[in-house]
C-alpha cells in the first residue's frame, strides 16, 4: 500500500479552489472554515460573509424536493458527522 500524501494547508486550498464547482468545509461544530471562489460565484455570498458562520444558521437555506428545510428536519451533513457514513443528497435553495 502506498503511503498517504501529506500536503500543506495551502496545497489543499489550491486543490479545492481549482475545482469547477463550489466547495465549502466545516469544522466539527459545523462552522464554515473554507469557502471557495465557486461558492461565492454560485451563492453570491463573499468568503468573509460565510467563514465562521454555522451551516446550521441556514445561510444557504438548503431544502429537499418537497421544500422541507434540511437544516431543521434531516441534515445529511450532521447525520454523516454523527455516524461516519457517506450520504448523497439532492439539496436546493428556495431560489432554484
C-alpha atoms as a PDB file:
ATOM      1  CA  UNK A   1       0.000   0.000   0.000  1.00  0.00           C
ATOM      2  CA  UNK A   2       1.353   3.412  -0.978  1.00  0.00           C
ATOM      3  CA  UNK A   3       1.888   5.938   1.816  1.00  0.00           C
ATOM      4  CA  UNK A   4      -0.631   8.731   2.127  1.00  0.00           C
ATOM      5  CA  UNK A   5       0.470  12.014   0.646  1.00  0.00           C
ATOM      6  CA  UNK A   6       0.700  14.872   3.072  1.00  0.00           C
ATOM      7  CA  UNK A   7       0.037  18.304   1.665  1.00  0.00           C
ATOM      8  CA  UNK A   8       0.252  21.686   3.282  1.00  0.00           C
ATOM      9  CA  UNK A   9      -2.928  23.594   4.064  1.00  0.00           C
ATOM     10  CA  UNK A  10      -2.101  25.893   1.161  1.00  0.00           C
ATOM     11  CA  UNK A  11      -1.852  22.930  -1.222  1.00  0.00           C
ATOM     12  CA  UNK A  12      -5.278  21.639  -0.124  1.00  0.00           C
ATOM     13  CA  UNK A  13      -6.708  25.134  -0.528  1.00  0.00           C
ATOM     14  CA  UNK A  14      -5.286  25.362  -4.063  1.00  0.00           C
ATOM     15  CA  UNK A  15      -6.709  21.955  -4.958  1.00  0.00           C
ATOM     16  CA  UNK A  16     -10.174  22.909  -3.687  1.00  0.00           C
ATOM     17  CA  UNK A  17     -10.061  26.283  -5.455  1.00  0.00           C
ATOM     18  CA  UNK A  18      -9.201  24.579  -8.750  1.00  0.00           C
ATOM     19  CA  UNK A  19     -12.404  22.521  -8.756  1.00  0.00           C
ATOM     20  CA  UNK A  20     -15.072  23.748 -11.199  1.00  0.00           C
ATOM     21  CA  UNK A  21     -17.781  23.781  -8.520  1.00  0.00           C
ATOM     22  CA  UNK A  22     -18.431  25.368  -5.154  1.00  0.00           C
ATOM     23  CA  UNK A  23     -16.790  23.721  -2.152  1.00  0.00           C
ATOM     24  CA  UNK A  24     -17.114  24.594   1.486  1.00  0.00           C
ATOM     25  CA  UNK A  25     -15.626  22.855   4.501  1.00  0.00           C
ATOM     26  CA  UNK A  26     -16.975  22.845   8.034  1.00  0.00           C
ATOM     27  CA  UNK A  27     -15.292  22.040  11.332  1.00  0.00           C
ATOM     28  CA  UNK A  28     -16.673  19.621  13.927  1.00  0.00           C
ATOM     29  CA  UNK A  29     -19.046  22.312  15.214  1.00  0.00           C
ATOM     30  CA  UNK A  30     -20.363  22.825  11.660  1.00  0.00           C
ATOM     31  CA  UNK A  31     -18.776  26.277  11.387  1.00  0.00           C
ATOM     32  CA  UNK A  32     -17.728  27.117   7.862  1.00  0.00           C
ATOM     33  CA  UNK A  33     -13.917  27.033   7.744  1.00  0.00           C
ATOM     34  CA  UNK A  34     -13.375  27.249   3.986  1.00  0.00           C
ATOM     35  CA  UNK A  35     -15.486  28.882   1.263  1.00  0.00           C
ATOM     36  CA  UNK A  36     -14.270  28.580  -2.319  1.00  0.00           C
ATOM     37  CA  UNK A  37     -14.445  31.065  -5.162  1.00  0.00           C
ATOM     38  CA  UNK A  38     -17.033  28.728  -6.687  1.00  0.00           C
ATOM     39  CA  UNK A  39     -19.249  29.145  -3.610  1.00  0.00           C
ATOM     40  CA  UNK A  40     -19.016  32.905  -3.991  1.00  0.00           C
ATOM     41  CA  UNK A  41     -19.953  32.643  -7.665  1.00  0.00           C
ATOM     42  CA  UNK A  42     -22.873  30.252  -7.064  1.00  0.00           C
ATOM     43  CA  UNK A  43     -24.370  31.803  -3.931  1.00  0.00           C
ATOM     44  CA  UNK A  44     -23.376  35.444  -4.132  1.00  0.00           C
ATOM     45  CA  UNK A  45     -22.062  35.278  -0.555  1.00  0.00           C
ATOM     46  CA  UNK A  46     -18.495  36.508  -0.210  1.00  0.00           C
ATOM     47  CA  UNK A  47     -15.958  34.483   1.736  1.00  0.00           C
ATOM     48  CA  UNK A  48     -15.960  36.944   4.663  1.00  0.00           C
ATOM     49  CA  UNK A  49     -19.754  36.604   4.945  1.00  0.00           C
ATOM     50  CA  UNK A  50     -19.632  32.805   5.235  1.00  0.00           C
ATOM     51  CA  UNK A  51     -16.471  31.802   7.096  1.00  0.00           C
ATOM     52  CA  UNK A  52     -17.076  31.392  10.810  1.00  0.00           C
ATOM     53  CA  UNK A  53     -20.835  31.021  10.451  1.00  0.00           C
ATOM     54  CA  UNK A  54     -22.538  27.776  11.322  1.00  0.00           C
ATOM     55  CA  UNK A  55     -24.048  25.950   8.388  1.00  0.00           C
ATOM     56  CA  UNK A  56     -26.973  25.468  10.791  1.00  0.00           C
ATOM     57  CA  UNK A  57     -27.558  29.239  10.596  1.00  0.00           C
ATOM     58  CA  UNK A  58     -29.233  28.320   7.324  1.00  0.00           C
ATOM     59  CA  UNK A  59     -27.137  30.693   5.239  1.00  0.00           C
ATOM     60  CA  UNK A  60     -27.814  28.575   2.153  1.00  0.00           C
ATOM     61  CA  UNK A  61     -31.351  27.596   3.170  1.00  0.00           C
ATOM     62  CA  UNK A  62     -30.942  24.021   1.879  1.00  0.00           C
ATOM     63  CA  UNK A  63     -34.212  22.235   1.289  1.00  0.00           C
ATOM     64  CA  UNK A  64     -35.269  18.969  -0.311  1.00  0.00           C
ATOM     65  CA  UNK A  65     -37.526  18.453  -3.335  1.00  0.00           C
ATOM     66  CA  UNK A  66     -40.602  18.925  -1.124  1.00  0.00           C
ATOM     67  CA  UNK A  67     -39.147  22.257   0.098  1.00  0.00           C
ATOM     68  CA  UNK A  68     -38.599  20.849   3.604  1.00  0.00           C
ATOM     69  CA  UNK A  69     -35.741  22.619   5.387  1.00  0.00           C
ATOM     70  CA  UNK A  70     -32.837  20.166   5.576  1.00  0.00           C
ATOM     71  CA  UNK A  71     -31.145  22.020   8.427  1.00  0.00           C
ATOM     72  CA  UNK A  72     -34.205  21.595  10.599  1.00  0.00           C
ATOM     73  CA  UNK A  73     -35.554  18.216   9.506  1.00  0.00           C
ATOM     74  CA  UNK A  74     -32.777  15.928   8.296  1.00  0.00           C
ATOM     75  CA  UNK A  75     -29.359  17.475   7.804  1.00  0.00           C
ATOM     76  CA  UNK A  76     -27.301  14.981   5.774  1.00  0.00           C
ATOM     77  CA  UNK A  77     -24.059  16.646   6.872  1.00  0.00           C
ATOM     78  CA  UNK A  78     -24.934  16.336  10.559  1.00  0.00           C
ATOM     79  CA  UNK A  79     -26.076  12.736  10.051  1.00  0.00           C
ATOM     80  CA  UNK A  80     -22.730  11.881   8.432  1.00  0.00           C
ATOM     81  CA  UNK A  81     -20.831  13.621  11.206  1.00  0.00           C
ATOM     82  CA  UNK A  82     -22.745  11.513  13.750  1.00  0.00           C
ATOM     83  CA  UNK A  83     -22.353   8.079  12.159  1.00  0.00           C
ATOM     84  CA  UNK A  84     -19.487   8.457   9.671  1.00  0.00           C
ATOM     85  CA  UNK A  85     -21.488   7.064   6.746  1.00  0.00           C
ATOM     86  CA  UNK A  86     -21.274   8.998   3.465  1.00  0.00           C
ATOM     87  CA  UNK A  87     -24.507  10.317   2.001  1.00  0.00           C
ATOM     88  CA  UNK A  88     -25.737  11.685  -1.290  1.00  0.00           C
ATOM     89  CA  UNK A  89     -28.415  14.304  -1.091  1.00  0.00           C
ATOM     90  CA  UNK A  90     -30.249  16.497  -3.543  1.00  0.00           C
ATOM     91  CA  UNK A  91     -30.370  19.877  -1.882  1.00  0.00           C
ATOM     92  CA  UNK A  92     -31.862  23.030  -3.294  1.00  0.00           C
ATOM     93  CA  UNK A  93     -32.074  26.671  -2.426  1.00  0.00           C
ATOM     94  CA  UNK A  94     -35.522  28.288  -2.447  1.00  0.00           C
ATOM     95  CA  UNK A  95     -34.413  30.461  -5.364  1.00  0.00           C
ATOM     96  CA  UNK A  96     -33.623  27.426  -7.582  1.00  0.00           C
END
